[in-house]
Each structure stands twice: as C-alpha cells, then as structure tokens.
Protein backbone atom coordinates (compact mmCIF):
# COMPACT_ATOMS: atom_id res chain seq x y z
CA MET A 1 10.63 -71.47 52.98
CA ALA A 2 11.10 -71.13 49.17
CA GLN A 3 9.92 -74.50 48.45
CA LYS A 4 6.73 -73.16 50.55
CA LYS A 5 6.55 -70.04 48.29
CA ASN A 6 7.25 -71.59 44.75
CA SER A 7 4.24 -74.14 45.46
CA GLU A 8 2.04 -70.89 46.47
CA LEU A 9 2.97 -69.15 43.22
CA LEU A 10 2.42 -72.05 41.05
CA ASP A 11 -0.98 -73.27 42.70
CA ASP A 12 -2.04 -70.26 43.43
CA TYR A 13 -4.69 -70.42 46.43
CA SER A 14 -6.78 -72.55 43.41
CA THR A 15 -8.94 -74.41 46.20
CA SER A 16 -8.61 -72.14 49.20
CA ARG A 17 -8.93 -68.56 50.42
CA VAL A 18 -6.51 -65.77 49.19
CA PRO A 19 -5.21 -64.83 52.84
CA GLN A 20 -5.57 -60.71 53.12
CA ALA A 21 -1.60 -60.49 53.31
CA LYS A 22 -1.33 -62.14 49.71
CA ARG A 23 -3.65 -59.65 48.34
CA ASP A 24 -2.32 -57.11 45.50
CA PRO A 25 -2.98 -53.33 44.90
CA MET A 26 -6.06 -51.86 42.98
CA TRP A 27 -3.64 -50.70 39.95
CA LYS A 28 -2.07 -54.29 40.03
CA VAL A 29 -5.51 -55.93 39.23
CA LEU A 30 -7.08 -53.45 37.58
CA MET A 31 -4.04 -53.85 34.60
CA VAL A 32 -4.48 -57.22 34.60
CA GLN A 33 -8.64 -56.76 34.15
CA ILE A 34 -7.68 -54.21 31.33
CA GLY A 35 -5.54 -56.63 29.42
CA GLY A 36 -8.21 -58.93 29.13
CA PHE A 37 -10.82 -56.35 27.46
CA VAL A 38 -7.96 -54.62 25.12
CA ALA A 39 -7.52 -57.55 23.18
CA LEU A 40 -7.85 -58.81 19.58
CA SER A 41 -11.08 -60.70 20.29
CA GLN A 42 -12.76 -57.37 21.14
CA PHE A 43 -11.77 -55.47 17.85
CA MET A 44 -13.14 -58.52 16.37
CA LEU A 45 -16.28 -58.05 18.23
CA GLY A 46 -16.16 -54.30 17.33
CA ALA A 47 -15.47 -55.06 13.50
CA GLN A 48 -17.92 -57.60 13.50
CA LEU A 49 -20.83 -55.29 14.72
CA GLY A 50 -19.70 -52.46 12.66
CA TYR A 51 -19.96 -54.22 9.57
CA GLY A 52 -23.52 -55.12 10.03
CA MET A 53 -24.88 -52.47 11.79
CA THR A 54 -24.72 -48.39 11.75
CA PHE A 55 -22.51 -46.25 14.15
CA LYS A 56 -25.57 -45.46 16.03
CA ASN A 57 -26.90 -48.79 16.53
CA ALA A 58 -23.32 -50.89 17.13
CA VAL A 59 -22.60 -48.44 20.23
CA LEU A 60 -25.98 -49.22 21.52
CA SER A 61 -25.61 -52.77 21.43
CA THR A 62 -22.22 -52.18 23.25
CA ILE A 63 -23.75 -50.33 25.60
CA LEU A 64 -26.55 -52.25 26.59
CA GLY A 65 -24.45 -55.30 26.50
CA SER A 66 -22.11 -53.70 28.90
CA VAL A 67 -24.29 -52.56 31.49
CA ILE A 68 -25.47 -55.80 31.82
CA LEU A 69 -21.88 -57.10 32.06
CA GLN A 70 -21.08 -54.47 34.62
CA VAL A 71 -24.01 -55.29 36.74
CA ILE A 72 -22.81 -59.30 36.62
CA GLY A 73 -18.96 -58.61 36.94
CA PHE A 74 -19.47 -56.40 40.35
CA GLY A 75 -21.65 -58.26 41.93
CA LEU A 76 -19.81 -61.11 41.44
CA GLY A 77 -16.28 -59.89 41.78
CA LEU A 78 -17.58 -58.18 45.00
CA ALA A 79 -18.60 -61.73 46.16
CA GLY A 80 -15.03 -62.98 45.44
CA GLN A 81 -13.27 -60.19 46.89
CA ARG A 82 -15.03 -60.72 50.09
CA GLU A 83 -14.45 -64.87 50.39
CA GLY A 84 -11.32 -64.56 48.64
CA LEU A 85 -12.39 -67.51 46.37
CA PRO A 86 -12.46 -67.79 42.50
CA THR A 87 -15.54 -68.71 40.70
CA SER A 88 -16.06 -71.92 40.69
CA LEU A 89 -15.55 -72.30 43.91
CA LEU A 90 -17.59 -69.42 45.20
CA SER A 91 -20.66 -70.98 43.01
CA LYS A 92 -20.25 -73.91 45.79
CA TRP A 93 -22.00 -71.90 48.40
CA ALA A 94 -24.07 -69.51 45.87
CA GLY A 95 -26.54 -71.86 44.59
CA PHE A 96 -24.82 -74.78 42.89
CA GLY A 97 -23.12 -77.09 45.75
CA THR A 98 -20.80 -79.32 45.74
CA LEU A 99 -21.76 -81.38 42.38
CA GLY A 100 -22.74 -78.23 40.66
CA SER A 101 -19.96 -76.13 41.11
CA ALA A 102 -17.48 -78.56 39.53
CA VAL A 103 -20.41 -78.87 36.59
CA VAL A 104 -20.02 -74.68 36.64
CA GLY A 105 -16.33 -75.20 36.43
CA LEU A 106 -15.72 -77.65 33.82
CA THR A 107 -18.14 -75.45 31.83
CA PHE A 108 -16.41 -72.43 32.24
CA ALA A 109 -13.00 -74.43 31.71
CA VAL A 110 -14.40 -76.11 28.05
CA SER A 111 -15.66 -72.32 27.30
CA LEU A 112 -12.39 -70.69 28.47
CA ILE A 113 -10.39 -73.55 25.97
CA GLY A 114 -12.19 -72.50 23.35
CA TRP A 115 -11.64 -68.86 23.47
CA PHE A 116 -7.91 -69.79 24.13
CA GLY A 117 -7.84 -71.55 20.65
CA ILE A 118 -9.63 -68.73 18.88
CA GLN A 119 -7.14 -66.13 20.13
CA ASN A 120 -3.92 -68.84 19.58
CA SER A 121 -5.18 -68.77 16.23
CA VAL A 122 -5.13 -65.15 15.90
CA PHE A 123 -1.65 -65.21 17.27
CA ALA A 124 -0.52 -67.79 14.77
CA GLN A 125 -1.79 -66.03 11.59
CA GLY A 126 -0.57 -62.67 12.45
CA ILE A 127 3.09 -64.17 12.99
CA VAL A 128 2.61 -66.18 9.65
CA SER A 129 1.70 -63.05 7.90
CA LEU A 130 5.16 -61.31 9.28
CA ILE A 131 7.37 -63.41 8.52
CA PRO A 132 8.56 -63.99 4.52
CA GLY A 133 7.81 -67.09 3.04
CA HIS A 134 4.65 -67.87 5.44
CA PRO A 135 6.05 -70.44 7.44
CA ASN A 136 3.41 -73.73 8.26
CA TYR A 137 0.43 -72.20 10.58
CA GLN A 138 0.37 -75.31 12.23
CA LEU A 139 3.85 -75.58 13.59
CA ILE A 140 3.35 -71.70 14.39
CA ALA A 141 -0.06 -72.36 16.24
CA THR A 142 1.86 -74.84 18.56
CA ILE A 143 5.08 -72.72 19.34
CA THR A 144 2.69 -69.81 20.36
CA GLY A 145 -0.04 -71.87 22.25
CA LEU A 146 2.98 -73.38 24.51
CA VAL A 147 5.21 -70.14 24.79
CA VAL A 148 1.52 -68.72 26.49
CA THR A 149 1.20 -72.09 28.46
CA PHE A 150 4.72 -71.47 30.01
CA ALA A 151 3.74 -67.94 31.06
CA VAL A 152 0.71 -69.55 32.76
CA ILE A 153 1.87 -71.76 35.21
CA PHE A 154 3.45 -69.07 37.28
CA GLY A 155 -0.34 -68.05 37.71
CA PHE A 156 -1.23 -64.52 38.95
CA GLU A 157 2.43 -63.45 38.65
CA GLY A 158 2.67 -64.45 35.38
CA LEU A 159 -0.06 -62.31 34.34
CA SER A 160 0.75 -59.20 35.84
CA TRP A 161 4.19 -59.74 34.00
CA THR A 162 2.91 -60.39 30.34
CA THR A 163 0.30 -56.90 31.19
CA ASN A 164 3.46 -54.79 31.39
CA ILE A 165 3.85 -55.52 27.97
CA SER A 166 0.98 -56.60 25.73
CA VAL A 167 -1.54 -53.68 27.11
CA PRO A 168 0.85 -50.47 25.98
CA ALA A 169 1.76 -52.39 22.50
CA PHE A 170 -2.13 -52.60 21.78
CA LEU A 171 -2.63 -49.13 22.60
CA ILE A 172 0.10 -48.03 20.57
CA VAL A 173 -1.71 -50.20 17.53
CA ILE A 174 -5.25 -48.39 18.50
CA ALA A 175 -3.23 -45.03 18.39
CA ILE A 176 -1.57 -45.24 14.88
CA ALA A 177 -4.68 -47.16 13.54
CA CYS A 178 -7.11 -44.42 14.97
CA TYR A 179 -4.39 -41.68 13.56
CA ASN A 180 -4.16 -43.19 9.65
CA MET A 181 -7.86 -43.74 9.77
CA LEU A 182 -9.12 -40.01 10.48
CA LYS A 183 -6.32 -39.33 8.52
CA GLY A 184 -8.06 -40.79 5.18
CA HIS A 185 -11.89 -40.20 6.46
CA SER A 186 -14.40 -37.59 8.28
CA LEU A 187 -15.25 -38.71 11.22
CA THR A 188 -18.53 -37.78 10.71
CA ASN A 189 -19.02 -39.87 7.92
CA LEU A 190 -17.98 -43.07 9.81
CA MET A 191 -20.68 -42.00 12.07
CA SER A 192 -23.35 -41.60 9.52
CA MET A 193 -22.70 -44.12 6.94
CA SER A 194 -24.94 -47.59 6.63
CA ALA A 195 -23.76 -51.05 7.57
CA PRO A 196 -21.13 -52.24 4.94
CA GLY A 197 -22.72 -55.60 5.43
CA LYS A 198 -25.44 -58.05 5.71
CA VAL A 199 -27.78 -56.11 8.17
CA MET A 200 -27.30 -57.22 11.79
CA THR A 201 -30.55 -56.48 14.45
CA LEU A 202 -30.11 -54.94 17.67
CA SER A 203 -30.88 -57.78 19.79
CA ALA A 204 -27.95 -59.75 17.75
CA GLY A 205 -25.87 -57.51 18.59
CA ILE A 206 -26.18 -57.43 22.16
CA THR A 207 -26.12 -61.10 22.42
CA MET A 208 -22.72 -60.91 20.66
CA VAL A 209 -21.72 -58.38 23.13
CA THR A 210 -22.98 -60.35 26.48
CA GLY A 211 -21.38 -63.67 24.73
CA ASN A 212 -18.15 -62.35 24.24
CA PHE A 213 -17.16 -61.08 27.50
CA ILE A 214 -20.16 -62.94 29.83
CA VAL A 215 -17.70 -65.84 30.89
CA GLY A 216 -14.80 -62.79 31.67
CA ALA A 217 -17.77 -60.93 33.79
CA ILE A 218 -18.59 -64.33 35.62
CA ILE A 219 -15.20 -65.45 36.11
CA MET A 220 -14.59 -61.75 37.72
CA PRO A 221 -13.50 -63.28 41.23
CA ASP A 222 -10.78 -65.36 39.57
CA ILE A 223 -9.31 -61.76 39.50
CA THR A 224 -10.94 -59.89 42.23
CA ARG A 225 -10.20 -62.54 44.79
CA LYS A 226 -6.75 -60.47 45.30
CA THR A 227 -8.18 -57.15 45.50
CA LYS A 228 -7.99 -55.69 49.60
CA THR A 229 -11.27 -54.02 49.74
CA GLY A 230 -14.62 -53.19 47.65
CA VAL A 231 -13.94 -50.21 46.34
CA ASP A 232 -11.17 -51.90 44.41
CA VAL A 233 -13.67 -53.97 42.51
CA PHE A 234 -15.77 -50.85 41.81
CA TRP A 235 -12.90 -49.50 39.96
CA VAL A 236 -11.40 -52.35 38.49
CA SER A 237 -14.99 -53.56 37.15
CA VAL A 238 -16.09 -49.72 35.80
CA ILE A 239 -12.36 -48.42 34.64
CA GLY A 240 -12.08 -52.24 33.13
CA THR A 241 -15.59 -51.77 31.19
CA ILE A 242 -15.06 -48.45 30.24
CA VAL A 243 -11.64 -48.42 28.76
CA GLY A 244 -12.06 -52.04 27.18
CA GLU A 245 -15.50 -52.89 26.20
CA LEU A 246 -17.00 -49.64 24.86
CA GLY A 247 -13.91 -48.16 23.85
CA VAL A 248 -12.17 -50.88 21.95
CA ASN A 249 -15.63 -51.74 20.79
CA VAL A 250 -16.38 -48.11 19.19
CA ILE A 251 -13.03 -48.41 17.66
CA GLY A 252 -13.59 -51.53 16.20
CA VAL A 253 -16.76 -50.35 14.49
CA LEU A 254 -15.59 -47.13 12.97
CA MET A 255 -12.51 -49.45 11.64
CA ALA A 256 -15.03 -51.67 10.02
CA HIS A 257 -16.89 -48.86 8.18
CA ALA A 258 -13.81 -47.10 6.93
CA VAL A 259 -12.15 -50.46 5.21
CA GLY A 260 -15.44 -52.17 4.83
CA THR A 261 -14.61 -55.48 6.08
CA SER A 262 -15.08 -57.75 9.16
CA GLU A 263 -12.01 -58.97 8.87
CA ILE A 264 -9.86 -58.03 11.57
CA MET A 265 -6.29 -58.47 10.38
CA PRO A 266 -6.67 -56.70 6.94
CA ILE A 267 -8.29 -53.60 9.05
CA ILE A 268 -5.33 -53.86 11.31
CA TYR A 269 -2.76 -53.93 8.26
CA LYS A 270 -4.91 -51.53 5.95
CA LEU A 271 -4.26 -48.56 9.12
CA THR A 272 -1.00 -49.77 10.55
CA GLY A 273 1.18 -51.79 8.49
CA VAL A 274 3.24 -54.77 9.47
CA LEU A 275 4.73 -52.82 12.67
CA GLY A 276 0.30 -53.29 13.90
CA ILE A 277 0.29 -56.52 13.15
CA ALA A 278 3.35 -57.21 14.75
CA LEU A 279 2.36 -55.30 17.91
CA ILE A 280 -1.14 -56.87 17.74
CA VAL A 281 0.23 -60.17 17.61
CA LEU A 282 2.09 -59.42 20.79
CA SER A 283 -0.63 -58.30 22.48
CA THR A 284 -2.90 -61.19 21.92
CA VAL A 285 -0.60 -62.78 24.02
CA LYS A 286 -2.17 -61.22 27.73
CA VAL A 287 -6.07 -62.13 27.36
CA ASN A 288 -4.62 -65.81 26.45
CA ASP A 289 -2.67 -65.98 30.09
CA MET A 290 -6.11 -64.60 31.43
CA ASN A 291 -8.28 -67.77 29.39
CA LEU A 292 -5.57 -70.57 30.75
CA TYR A 293 -5.50 -69.27 33.86
CA SER A 294 -9.08 -69.02 34.78
CA ALA A 295 -9.80 -72.54 33.13
CA SER A 296 -7.15 -74.01 35.23
CA LEU A 297 -8.47 -73.08 38.28
CA ASN A 298 -12.03 -74.34 37.16
CA GLU A 299 -10.39 -77.82 35.90
CA VAL A 300 -8.74 -78.13 39.64
CA ASN A 301 -11.81 -77.16 41.33
CA PHE A 302 -13.68 -79.81 39.38
CA PHE A 303 -11.29 -82.56 39.69
CA LYS A 304 -11.21 -82.01 43.70
CA GLN A 305 -15.42 -82.01 43.73
CA VAL A 306 -16.12 -84.75 41.62
CA PHE A 307 -13.22 -87.24 42.52
CA LYS A 308 -11.61 -86.09 45.62
CA VAL A 309 -8.10 -85.29 44.07
CA ASN A 310 -5.88 -82.34 44.68
CA PHE A 311 -4.18 -81.41 41.16
CA ASN A 312 -1.22 -79.08 41.23
CA ARG A 313 -2.52 -76.10 39.11
CA ALA A 314 0.64 -75.85 37.10
CA TRP A 315 0.38 -79.34 35.79
CA VAL A 316 -3.09 -78.32 35.02
CA THR A 317 -2.45 -75.46 33.34
CA VAL A 318 0.25 -77.53 30.64
CA ILE A 319 -2.35 -80.06 29.65
CA THR A 320 -5.03 -77.57 29.09
CA GLY A 321 -2.50 -75.00 27.19
CA CYS A 322 -1.85 -78.04 24.91
CA ILE A 323 -5.63 -78.77 24.67
CA GLY A 324 -6.49 -74.91 23.47
CA THR A 325 -3.47 -75.17 21.33
CA LEU A 326 -4.55 -78.26 19.04
CA LEU A 327 -7.94 -76.42 18.64
CA SER A 328 -6.13 -73.63 16.76
CA VAL A 329 -4.69 -76.03 15.20
CA ILE A 330 -7.68 -77.47 13.72
CA GLY A 331 -9.28 -74.02 13.24
CA VAL A 332 -11.50 -73.40 15.83
CA VAL A 333 -11.42 -69.97 15.40
CA ASP A 334 -13.99 -70.20 12.46
CA LYS A 335 -16.24 -70.78 14.70
CA PHE A 336 -16.52 -67.70 16.38
CA SER A 337 -19.50 -66.02 15.93
CA SER A 338 -21.45 -69.29 16.70
CA PHE A 339 -19.31 -69.35 19.64
CA LEU A 340 -20.68 -66.29 20.81
CA THR A 341 -24.05 -66.89 20.34
CA VAL A 342 -24.10 -70.13 22.31
CA LEU A 343 -22.21 -68.43 25.12
CA GLY A 344 -24.62 -65.49 25.33
CA ALA A 345 -27.79 -67.89 26.27
CA VAL A 346 -26.08 -70.76 27.96
CA PHE A 347 -23.67 -68.79 30.73
CA PRO A 348 -25.60 -65.35 32.05
CA PRO A 349 -28.24 -67.85 33.94
CA VAL A 350 -24.81 -69.29 36.22
CA ALA A 351 -24.36 -65.61 37.07
CA SER A 352 -27.76 -64.91 37.71
CA ILE A 353 -28.42 -67.74 40.32
CA MET A 354 -25.03 -66.66 42.15
CA VAL A 355 -25.92 -63.18 42.43
CA VAL A 356 -29.35 -63.84 43.64
CA ASP A 357 -28.11 -66.63 45.97
CA TYR A 358 -24.99 -64.82 47.37
CA TRP A 359 -26.71 -61.10 47.52
CA ILE A 360 -30.73 -61.65 48.05
CA LEU A 361 -30.99 -64.73 49.42
CA LYS A 362 -28.20 -65.57 51.54
CA ARG A 363 -28.65 -69.25 51.93
CA SER A 364 -24.93 -69.95 52.92
CA ARG A 365 -23.91 -66.84 53.97
CA LYS A 366 -23.38 -67.57 57.84
CA GLN A 367 -21.59 -70.67 56.70
CA LEU A 368 -19.30 -68.20 54.81
CA ASP A 369 -18.78 -65.40 57.26
CA GLU A 370 -18.38 -67.61 60.10
CA SER A 371 -15.35 -70.56 58.17
CA ARG A 372 -13.70 -66.45 56.93
CA LEU A 373 -13.17 -65.48 60.05
CA GLN A 374 -10.77 -68.70 60.42
CA GLY A 375 -9.33 -68.59 57.09
CA GLU A 376 -10.90 -71.64 55.88
CA LEU A 377 -13.65 -73.27 53.77
CA PRO A 378 -17.18 -73.85 54.97
CA GLN A 379 -17.16 -77.88 55.98
CA THR A 380 -20.39 -78.55 54.27
CA ALA A 381 -22.44 -77.60 51.05
CA GLU A 382 -25.62 -79.01 49.26
CA THR A 383 -24.81 -81.27 46.25
CA PHE A 384 -26.64 -79.78 43.53
CA PRO A 385 -29.83 -78.39 44.06
CA VAL A 386 -32.92 -79.01 42.03
CA VAL A 387 -33.93 -75.85 41.72
CA THR A 388 -30.93 -74.45 40.38
CA ILE A 389 -31.08 -76.82 37.63
CA VAL A 390 -34.50 -76.47 36.36
CA SER A 391 -33.60 -72.64 36.69
CA TRP A 392 -31.20 -73.16 34.43
CA VAL A 393 -31.91 -75.49 31.86
CA LEU A 394 -35.70 -73.84 31.50
CA SER A 395 -34.39 -70.55 31.33
CA VAL A 396 -31.85 -71.68 28.28
CA ILE A 397 -34.71 -73.39 26.55
CA LEU A 398 -37.03 -70.27 27.22
CA GLY A 399 -34.53 -67.95 25.88
CA TYR A 400 -34.26 -70.38 22.56
CA VAL A 401 -38.13 -70.29 22.22
CA VAL A 402 -38.61 -66.74 23.15
CA LYS A 403 -38.26 -64.90 20.28
CA TRP A 404 -39.42 -61.50 21.53
CA GLY A 405 -36.78 -58.91 23.53
CA ILE A 406 -32.76 -59.65 23.79
CA GLN A 407 -31.95 -63.40 24.05
CA SER A 408 -28.99 -62.72 26.58
CA ILE A 409 -31.24 -60.33 28.84
CA ASN A 410 -34.35 -62.69 28.56
CA VAL A 411 -31.99 -65.52 29.76
CA LEU A 412 -30.80 -63.35 32.49
CA VAL A 413 -33.69 -62.00 33.98
CA MET A 414 -35.73 -65.53 33.44
CA SER A 415 -33.63 -67.31 35.28
CA GLY A 416 -33.13 -65.33 38.53
CA VAL A 417 -36.57 -65.17 38.59
CA PHE A 418 -37.48 -68.84 38.44
CA TYR A 419 -34.35 -69.67 41.27
CA TYR A 420 -35.43 -66.66 43.54
CA VAL A 421 -39.60 -67.78 43.17
CA GLY A 422 -38.13 -71.96 43.49
CA MET A 423 -36.09 -71.45 46.52
CA LYS A 424 -38.72 -69.20 48.43
CA LEU A 425 -41.41 -72.37 47.60
CA PHE A 426 -38.60 -75.00 48.39
CA ASP A 427 -37.98 -73.26 51.50
CA ARG A 428 -41.02 -72.93 52.39
CA LYS A 429 -41.96 -76.48 51.85
CA ASN A 430 -39.51 -77.98 54.08
CA ARG A 431 -40.36 -75.44 57.36
CA LYS A 432 -43.96 -77.02 56.73
CA SER A 433 -42.59 -80.85 56.58
CA ARG A 434 -40.34 -79.81 59.60
CA LYS A 435 -43.23 -78.09 61.44
CA GLU A 436 -44.87 -81.50 60.79
C-alpha cells in the first residue's frame, strides 16, 4: 500500500485522469496558481514595460494581455477540470491527435525548460550578490537548479510545500518596496511621467504580456485537473490573474519609473536592500517548481505517444532539471525579451485550436464523456489532423507578416477561424464522400 502511494505521488497521474477522490480544495490549487504569477519574471516584465512606456500604456497593455490570458486560461482550465487531464494529454482529443499532442507537449517542454533556465539564472545571480566575495556564478546556478529539481520530484505536493514559503516571502518584498518607493516619490508623479527608456509601442507591450504567461495559460489544465468543480477553476483563474498578472505588473511599472531602469535586481536592491534580494531569491523557487513540473508532464506524454514508452515522471524531472540548470549556467537569461516575443506568436494558436475543438466543435466529446464515466481514457484518437497543422503554421506565418494590430491577438483569432472553417469544410467533404 505504501509503495503504491509513493508511486502515485512521484508519477502524479501524468498519463491518466486524476480521480475525483484525489482532487484538492480550491484554496490549495489557488495558492499554487498565485505562486506561478507572483514571481520575479512578472516583476521583470513590469519593469521592462515601465521602462519603455507611460504608466497608462503599460497598464493598458497589461489589462488587454491579461484579458486574452484570462479567456484562454479559463477555457482550457475548465476542460482540464472536467477531464482530469494535463494539457498535453487533453490536446490529444482537442484538435491535435496522438502525434499532435506529442508535438505540443514537446514544444511546451522546451519552452518551460527555457523558463526554468531564466528563473534559475536570476535565482543564482541573487545569491551571488548576497554572499561576500561573490562566489562562482556557475557553481551557484548548478546548486540552485538541482535543489529545485529535487522539490519537483514530489509532484503537486512539492509545489504546495514551496508555495507556503515563497508566496509570503514575495509579498513581504512587494510591501517593503512599495513603502520605500512611495516614501521617496509621489504616486501622481510616477503615474504621469514619461517612459525613462526607449519608447515601446502598445502592440509590442501586449505581445510581451501575452508571451510572458501564454504558456502558463495554456498549461492551466496541469493545475486545474486537481480542482473539484468548475467554480473552483473560475476563482483560481480570476484571482490568480488579478493578484499576479495585473497587480505585480503595475508595481513593476511604477518601480521602473521610480528607479529609472529595467534591470530588476538593481530595482529590488535600491528599494528593499539585502533583505529584499534574499526574499526575492527565495520566492523564485516557486515559479521554477511549476515550470519543471509541467515540463515533466509534457515530456512523459511525448514519450508515451511517440515511442509507446512509459517513463516515470520523477526520473524525467531529474533529467529535465539538469538540462534547465545547464541553460542557466550558459546565460539563457540574456535572451529574455526575444524569448517572450517568440512565445507571443507561436503558442496562442495551440490554445485557440484546443478551445474551438473542445468547446465549439466538440469533435471528441462523446469519446471523452463515455470514457470519463469509466475513469479511463478514450481508446482511439486521430493522428495529427492536417487542418490543425495548416491552421497552426499559417497563423504563425501571417502573424509575423501582418503588421497592423496586435500580433498575439491576430495569431489567436486567425488560428481559431482557420481551424473552425477548415474542420467544417473537412467534415462536410467526408460526409459527401460517405454518401457517394
């Protein structure tokens, strides 16, 4: 019995439905979600927006980008709660098929490993700045990456444990920073001043906002599959977005205006001192837990779908954590802005196609409903629909070619329309062939 419990803990239902009896209370899932938002990367984004935009435009970019994320995150999160499945596995019966879901999972995993490297870089840099004599960065980055990897081996339970430490630490930093910022600057002046750096367009700002958490919105099912009801998903999505995405971004914008730089560590140090750096470093552990956790789920699904091999999620986590640690050691954090821009164009189509397929076309809903009653997965699935491939690739290409409007919104809308129309025409052609 104990061995079975340990196996469930380490594998964490990575390739099966989460039983209703194993679901968690809403507050527990909400804390994990808030922990994913209330993180250094969100501050980094807010600081970059504030450095290149007025307060008004920075907030507008955040609100518009957050609305997009809210719709995507809730739609997919609710589907994940209903089915008890992570995103990569859900996508198998939501537009992408067997091979397509494996591609989606691998793509997300690569992205999340990149995020892991970025977060671990900042984590290690913070520790180096705190220790007298400034020890070797590469050594510290290696140690911090492996420590986080160990925590994630224990799955969702590991995420909850680190949340209890990191979220309060981060909130303390925010409180201290806001107090010192307002003690030395007028709030009215910070909100009305011009951008201290090179001016950024509204479209670029929104694309950065969506790029910053588009993967987080798409992998919402990884978290919400642990919730008990659709109402729980709603509150997890809404509160998490308001507190994390909007709240932290706005504070980051004001801090960039107050200090006059987009570099987050100098901002934190100037406003909070050594204590702030120490707490922010501690809080970084939380979001990296989530990056590594979802990456491992996606990789397990990839190997199962493509190679028919069932790897244990814990061992996959160890390997993935080592790769992410290596990326941080070689300096992946330097590519942060470019990384967000790419994510803002490549990943929205995945979310759009899944939402259209699951909630509008409902092409596999009968299979999902019948198998859910048995607590199993559907026995059959498509391979990789041509309509899905064309919609994904074409929308990304047009997203880069079309210069008017907002890139991430353009890609999101175009992929959804292409997929809907394509599948309607495809199904009509199939029905006509069957009649003949």
